[in-house]
Protein backbone atom coordinates (compact mmCIF):
# COMPACT_ATOMS: atom_id res chain seq x y z
CA MET A 1 -146.66 45.71 -340.52
CA LEU A 2 -144.87 45.13 -337.22
CA ASP A 3 -145.14 41.62 -335.78
CA VAL A 4 -146.63 41.63 -332.26
CA ARG A 5 -144.55 38.65 -331.13
CA ARG A 6 -141.38 40.46 -332.16
CA LEU A 7 -142.52 43.56 -330.29
CA HIS A 8 -142.86 41.35 -327.22
CA LEU A 9 -139.24 40.19 -327.65
CA LEU A 10 -138.02 43.77 -327.99
CA ARG A 11 -139.83 44.75 -324.81
CA GLU A 12 -138.32 41.79 -322.96
CA LEU A 13 -134.85 42.78 -324.14
CA ASP A 14 -135.45 46.27 -322.77
CA ARG A 15 -136.46 44.80 -319.39
CA ARG A 16 -134.00 41.90 -319.08
CA GLY A 17 -130.93 43.46 -320.66
CA THR A 18 -129.47 40.57 -322.67
CA ILE A 19 -130.59 38.36 -325.52
CA ALA A 20 -129.54 35.32 -323.47
CA ALA A 21 -131.84 36.35 -320.61
CA VAL A 22 -134.75 36.83 -323.03
CA ALA A 23 -134.10 33.45 -324.61
CA ASP A 24 -133.92 31.73 -321.22
CA ALA A 25 -137.13 33.36 -319.96
CA LEU A 26 -139.17 32.62 -323.08
CA THR A 27 -137.66 29.18 -323.86
CA PHE A 28 -136.13 30.27 -327.17
CA THR A 29 -132.56 29.87 -328.35
CA ALA A 30 -130.45 33.02 -328.31
CA SER A 31 -130.00 32.75 -332.08
CA ALA A 32 -133.78 32.56 -332.58
CA VAL A 33 -134.27 35.72 -330.51
CA SER A 34 -131.56 37.51 -332.50
CA GLN A 35 -133.14 36.47 -335.78
CA GLN A 36 -136.59 37.70 -334.71
CA LEU A 37 -135.20 41.03 -333.55
CA SER A 38 -133.32 41.43 -336.83
CA ALA A 39 -136.58 40.77 -338.66
CA LEU A 40 -138.27 43.43 -336.53
CA GLU A 41 -135.58 45.94 -337.50
CA ARG A 42 -136.27 45.20 -341.15
CA GLU A 43 -139.99 45.73 -340.56
CA ALA A 44 -139.32 49.01 -338.72
CA GLY A 45 -136.90 50.27 -341.37
CA VAL A 46 -134.56 51.83 -338.77
CA PRO A 47 -131.89 50.42 -336.40
CA LEU A 48 -133.44 49.33 -333.11
CA LEU A 49 -130.36 47.76 -331.49
CA GLU A 50 -126.69 48.54 -331.21
CA ARG A 51 -123.74 46.71 -329.70
CA SER A 52 -122.14 48.04 -326.53
CA GLY A 53 -119.26 45.75 -325.72
CA ARG A 54 -120.80 42.31 -325.30
CA ARG A 55 -124.25 43.71 -324.66
CA VAL A 56 -126.99 44.82 -327.00
CA VAL A 57 -128.72 48.08 -326.14
CA LEU A 58 -131.74 49.78 -327.65
CA THR A 59 -131.34 52.80 -329.87
CA PRO A 60 -133.58 55.84 -329.27
CA ALA A 61 -135.88 54.45 -331.98
CA GLY A 62 -135.89 51.10 -330.19
CA ARG A 63 -136.88 52.69 -326.88
CA THR A 64 -139.66 54.62 -328.62
CA LEU A 65 -140.95 51.40 -330.15
CA VAL A 66 -140.96 49.72 -326.72
CA GLN A 67 -143.30 52.43 -325.46
CA HIS A 68 -145.66 51.70 -328.34
CA ALA A 69 -145.26 47.96 -327.68
CA ASP A 70 -146.44 48.50 -324.10
CA ALA A 71 -149.59 50.19 -325.39
CA VAL A 72 -150.20 47.55 -328.08
CA LEU A 73 -149.78 44.62 -325.69
CA GLU A 74 -152.01 46.29 -323.11
CA ARG A 75 -154.75 46.63 -325.74
CA LEU A 76 -154.36 42.96 -326.62
CA GLU A 77 -154.66 42.06 -322.94
CA LEU A 78 -157.88 44.09 -322.74
CA ALA A 79 -159.19 42.33 -325.86
CA VAL A 80 -158.46 38.91 -324.35
CA ALA A 81 -160.26 39.97 -321.16
CA GLU A 82 -163.29 41.20 -323.09
CA LEU A 83 -163.52 37.99 -325.10
CA ALA A 84 -163.24 35.94 -321.92
CA GLY A 85 -166.06 37.98 -320.43
CA ALA A 86 -168.29 37.04 -323.36
CA ARG A 87 -167.99 33.34 -322.52
CA GLU A 88 -170.44 31.57 -320.26
CA GLY A 89 -169.02 31.17 -316.77
CA ILE A 90 -165.43 31.38 -315.50
CA GLY A 91 -163.25 28.33 -315.94
CA GLY A 92 -159.96 26.92 -317.13
CA PRO A 93 -156.43 27.29 -315.75
CA LEU A 94 -155.32 30.31 -313.72
CA ARG A 95 -151.58 30.48 -313.02
CA VAL A 96 -151.00 32.15 -309.66
CA GLY A 97 -147.70 33.17 -308.08
CA THR A 98 -147.21 33.74 -304.37
CA PHE A 99 -144.52 34.69 -301.88
CA PRO A 100 -143.98 32.13 -299.06
CA SER A 101 -145.89 33.80 -296.21
CA GLY A 102 -148.76 34.65 -298.56
CA GLY A 103 -148.83 30.99 -299.52
CA HIS A 104 -149.74 29.83 -296.02
CA THR A 105 -151.85 32.81 -294.88
CA ILE A 106 -153.76 34.56 -297.69
CA LEU A 107 -153.68 31.99 -300.48
CA PRO A 108 -155.48 28.97 -298.90
CA ALA A 109 -158.53 31.03 -297.95
CA ALA A 110 -158.47 32.80 -301.33
CA LEU A 111 -158.42 29.49 -303.22
CA ALA A 112 -161.21 28.09 -301.05
CA GLU A 113 -163.33 31.15 -301.82
CA LEU A 114 -162.45 30.87 -305.50
CA ALA A 115 -163.50 27.19 -305.57
CA ARG A 116 -166.79 28.05 -303.87
CA ARG A 117 -167.65 30.80 -306.35
CA HIS A 118 -166.12 29.36 -309.55
CA PRO A 119 -165.66 25.59 -309.32
CA ALA A 120 -164.69 25.32 -313.01
CA LEU A 121 -161.63 27.52 -312.46
CA GLU A 122 -158.36 25.59 -312.07
CA PRO A 123 -155.77 27.60 -310.10
CA MET A 124 -152.16 26.47 -310.53
CA VAL A 125 -149.86 27.87 -307.83
CA GLN A 126 -146.11 28.43 -307.87
CA GLU A 127 -143.97 30.08 -305.19
CA ILE A 128 -141.96 33.02 -306.51
CA ASP A 129 -140.15 35.98 -305.02
CA SER A 130 -141.93 39.28 -305.58
CA ALA A 131 -138.88 40.67 -307.40
CA ARG A 132 -139.37 38.08 -310.18
CA VAL A 133 -143.13 38.39 -310.62
CA SER A 134 -143.03 41.06 -313.34
CA ASP A 135 -140.84 38.82 -315.49
CA GLY A 136 -143.19 35.88 -314.91
CA LEU A 137 -146.26 37.89 -315.85
CA ARG A 138 -144.75 39.29 -319.04
CA ALA A 139 -143.46 35.87 -320.06
CA GLY A 140 -146.96 34.41 -319.64
CA ASP A 141 -145.85 32.03 -316.88
CA LEU A 142 -148.27 33.73 -314.47
CA ASP A 143 -151.72 35.28 -314.83
CA ALA A 144 -151.78 36.88 -311.36
CA ALA A 145 -149.59 36.88 -308.28
CA LEU A 146 -149.51 37.85 -304.65
CA VAL A 147 -146.63 40.31 -304.25
CA HIS A 148 -145.30 42.60 -301.56
CA ASP A 149 -142.92 45.49 -301.01
CA TYR A 150 -141.36 47.05 -297.93
CA ASP A 151 -140.57 50.56 -296.77
CA PHE A 152 -136.87 49.96 -297.38
CA VAL A 153 -137.41 48.11 -300.68
CA PRO A 154 -140.23 49.86 -302.58
CA ALA A 155 -141.47 48.26 -305.78
CA SER A 156 -139.81 49.54 -308.94
CA PRO A 157 -142.17 51.31 -311.36
CA ASP A 158 -143.23 48.92 -314.11
CA THR A 159 -145.59 50.01 -316.87
CA THR A 160 -146.23 46.38 -317.84
CA VAL A 161 -147.81 45.42 -314.50
CA ASP A 162 -150.88 46.65 -312.61
CA GLU A 163 -151.47 46.05 -308.90
CA VAL A 164 -154.39 46.04 -306.48
CA SER A 165 -153.67 46.65 -302.80
CA LEU A 166 -154.70 44.03 -300.24
CA LEU A 167 -153.01 44.69 -296.93
CA GLU A 168 -150.54 46.95 -295.13
CA GLU A 169 -148.99 45.49 -292.00
CA PRO A 170 -146.19 46.29 -289.56
CA MET A 171 -143.02 44.24 -289.28
CA TYR A 172 -141.88 42.77 -285.97
CA LEU A 173 -138.44 41.98 -284.62
CA ALA A 174 -138.38 38.35 -283.47
CA THR A 175 -135.95 37.64 -280.65
CA GLY A 176 -135.51 34.85 -278.09
CA ALA A 177 -134.49 34.03 -274.54
CA ASP A 178 -130.81 33.32 -275.32
CA PRO A 179 -128.51 35.95 -273.74
CA GLY A 180 -127.20 36.90 -277.19
CA THR A 181 -130.61 37.49 -278.70
CA ALA A 182 -132.89 38.38 -275.77
CA PRO A 183 -134.38 41.87 -275.45
CA PRO A 184 -132.33 44.31 -273.35
CA PRO A 185 -132.89 44.26 -269.55
CA GLY A 186 -136.00 46.19 -268.58
CA THR A 187 -137.71 45.68 -271.95
CA ASP A 188 -141.48 45.20 -271.68
CA THR A 189 -142.15 41.92 -273.52
CA SER A 190 -145.88 41.87 -272.85
CA SER A 191 -148.37 42.19 -275.71
CA GLU A 192 -148.62 45.89 -274.84
CA GLY A 193 -144.84 46.22 -274.96
CA ALA A 194 -144.75 44.73 -278.42
CA GLY A 195 -146.35 47.89 -279.68
CA ARG A 196 -143.94 50.33 -278.03
CA SER A 197 -142.48 53.12 -280.13
CA GLY A 198 -138.86 53.90 -280.84
CA THR A 199 -136.45 54.67 -283.62
CA LEU A 200 -134.81 51.89 -285.59
CA ALA A 201 -131.52 52.68 -283.87
CA GLU A 202 -133.17 52.30 -280.45
CA LEU A 203 -135.01 49.10 -281.35
CA LEU A 204 -132.35 47.36 -283.44
CA GLY A 205 -129.18 48.80 -281.93
CA PRO A 206 -129.07 46.33 -278.99
CA TYR A 207 -128.81 43.49 -281.55
CA ALA A 208 -125.91 44.91 -283.55
CA ASP A 209 -123.68 42.04 -282.39
CA ALA A 210 -126.35 39.32 -282.47
CA PRO A 211 -126.58 36.70 -285.22
CA TRP A 212 -129.30 37.58 -287.76
CA ILE A 213 -131.81 35.54 -289.71
CA THR A 214 -132.81 36.86 -293.15
CA ALA A 215 -134.37 35.61 -296.35
CA ARG A 216 -132.03 34.42 -299.09
CA ASP A 217 -129.77 36.82 -301.00
CA GLY A 218 -131.51 38.58 -303.88
CA THR A 219 -134.94 38.70 -302.21
CA THR A 220 -136.81 41.77 -301.02
CA GLY A 221 -136.96 40.31 -297.50
CA HIS A 222 -133.17 40.02 -297.32
CA ALA A 223 -132.67 43.56 -298.62
CA THR A 224 -135.18 44.93 -296.09
CA VAL A 225 -133.33 43.52 -293.08
CA VAL A 226 -129.93 44.64 -294.34
CA ARG A 227 -131.07 48.17 -295.18
CA ALA A 228 -133.01 48.59 -291.91
CA CYS A 229 -129.94 47.53 -289.91
CA GLN A 230 -127.76 49.89 -291.93
CA ALA A 231 -130.23 52.70 -291.18
CA ALA A 232 -129.84 51.79 -287.50
CA GLY A 233 -126.08 52.18 -287.80
CA PHE A 234 -124.67 48.68 -288.23
CA GLN A 235 -124.19 45.85 -290.72
CA PRO A 236 -126.06 42.69 -289.63
CA ARG A 237 -124.01 39.53 -289.05
CA ILE A 238 -126.15 37.05 -290.96
CA ARG A 239 -126.09 33.45 -289.74
CA HIS A 240 -129.21 31.89 -291.28
CA GLN A 241 -130.96 32.52 -294.60
CA VAL A 242 -134.50 31.12 -294.83
CA ASN A 243 -137.53 32.39 -296.73
CA ASP A 244 -140.21 30.97 -294.41
CA PHE A 245 -141.14 33.31 -291.56
CA ARG A 246 -142.33 30.36 -289.46
CA THR A 247 -138.75 29.11 -289.52
CA VAL A 248 -137.50 32.58 -288.58
CA LEU A 249 -139.77 32.52 -285.52
CA SER A 250 -138.70 29.01 -284.54
CA LEU A 251 -135.00 29.83 -284.85
CA ALA A 252 -135.43 33.06 -282.88
CA ALA A 253 -137.31 31.18 -280.14
CA ILE A 254 -134.35 28.87 -279.51
CA GLY A 255 -131.77 31.66 -279.54
CA GLN A 256 -130.35 31.06 -283.01
CA GLY A 257 -130.67 34.67 -284.05
CA VAL A 258 -133.01 37.62 -284.53
CA GLY A 259 -135.03 38.53 -287.61
CA PHE A 260 -137.99 40.36 -289.09
CA VAL A 261 -141.47 38.86 -289.33
CA PRO A 262 -144.61 40.52 -290.80
CA GLU A 263 -147.68 40.72 -288.58
CA ILE A 264 -149.65 38.24 -290.70
CA ALA A 265 -147.03 35.55 -290.02
CA THR A 266 -146.75 36.02 -286.25
CA THR A 267 -149.60 33.62 -285.39
CA PRO A 268 -148.96 31.21 -283.83
CA THR A 269 -145.87 32.54 -282.06
CA PRO A 270 -143.72 29.69 -280.70
CA VAL A 271 -142.88 29.55 -277.00
CA GLY A 272 -139.69 31.47 -276.33
CA ALA A 273 -140.07 33.94 -279.19
CA VAL A 274 -140.48 37.62 -278.32
CA LEU A 275 -141.97 40.11 -280.79
CA THR A 276 -141.24 43.84 -280.90
CA ARG A 277 -143.15 46.03 -283.31
CA LEU A 278 -140.97 48.06 -285.67
CA PRO A 279 -141.62 51.32 -287.58
CA VAL A 280 -141.33 49.33 -290.83
CA PHE A 281 -144.27 48.24 -292.98
CA ARG A 282 -144.94 45.65 -295.66
CA ARG A 283 -147.66 46.02 -298.29
CA SER A 284 -149.25 42.99 -299.96
CA LYS A 285 -150.97 43.26 -303.36
CA VAL A 286 -152.24 41.26 -306.32
CA ALA A 287 -150.27 41.89 -309.51
CA PHE A 288 -151.28 41.12 -313.10
CA ARG A 289 -150.37 42.21 -316.61
CA THR A 290 -151.43 45.75 -317.49
CA GLY A 291 -154.91 45.49 -318.93
CA GLY A 292 -155.41 42.03 -317.43
CA GLY A 293 -157.41 43.19 -314.44
CA GLU A 294 -160.58 43.06 -316.53
CA HIS A 295 -160.14 39.37 -317.25
CA PRO A 296 -162.93 37.54 -315.38
CA ALA A 297 -160.59 34.92 -313.89
CA VAL A 298 -158.08 37.51 -312.68
CA ALA A 299 -160.85 39.71 -311.28
CA ALA A 300 -162.30 36.67 -309.50
CA PHE A 301 -158.93 35.95 -307.89
CA VAL A 302 -158.58 39.56 -306.74
CA ASP A 303 -162.04 39.41 -305.14
CA ALA A 304 -161.23 36.09 -303.44
CA ALA A 305 -157.92 37.45 -302.12
CA ARG A 306 -159.74 40.44 -300.63
CA VAL A 307 -162.22 38.13 -298.90
CA ALA A 308 -159.30 36.09 -297.53
CA VAL A 309 -157.57 39.18 -296.13
CA ASP A 310 -160.75 40.57 -294.60
CA GLY A 311 -161.57 37.24 -292.97
CA ARG A 312 -158.12 36.50 -291.50
CA PRO A 313 -157.56 36.65 -287.72
CA GLY A 314 -157.16 40.31 -286.89
CA GLY A 315 -158.34 41.34 -290.35
CA ASP A 316 -161.00 43.86 -291.17
CA GLU A 317 -164.56 42.77 -290.50
């Protein structure tokens, strides 16, 4: 019979690409991972892995087994959820991931609602970029997470993760009063002007030579700014890299550069910062392991996050 823990390792190898990456993510040694995968091959009776240079790749039989592993692990997740539902009340630890702006907008209200409804639940929060959430969920480091994707950086399909939508919001260009970053002469900077229409080239083009503020390399926020500027016809000259949108606004306000900010993070807007609505959107969601949405604690967090979004300033009533 195939060992479920070894199936999990095979699936992680398929996702992460190297035995070293699997070992690092799951706190094993590389030799231990190799030994377990060799044992799985013996159980399967056919080769599952083959060497390709310094890398190990899955054989066709290995890829087929990964598909079955997805189904098996999803059923186990459903079983865990059903057993948890049979217990009295909702309690114990709940490991929650969040992106930075979700951490200071959606999450506090969600946790307050969660504490009100389920005081025995113990949420444990860690900040994590949305691009790394799938790995954290599969590794068991997270039970649920606030995630987002952008028009220019859509989420990659992942059969191991389910998502529930929370919010779609426009992105804004944050500029300042400094001559190098101020809006072009004649621009309407009133609240009505912030909603004006225009193509990316028309809205971003005047800032082709300005210094830019983005999130750190390797994040979805960084990729969004770079790809949007490229779509507008130029490569941004990046001066600052910060992941907190409040810092982006503050730097823009004093003329240190221009950057993107989602609507949820525009309040309060510091004096000197000017916001221009862009035809670019960000979508925020709650992610969890496939099959895990039925777990009472995860479902409770999803409900609390929805209450937090609906009750935010400017949110749905």
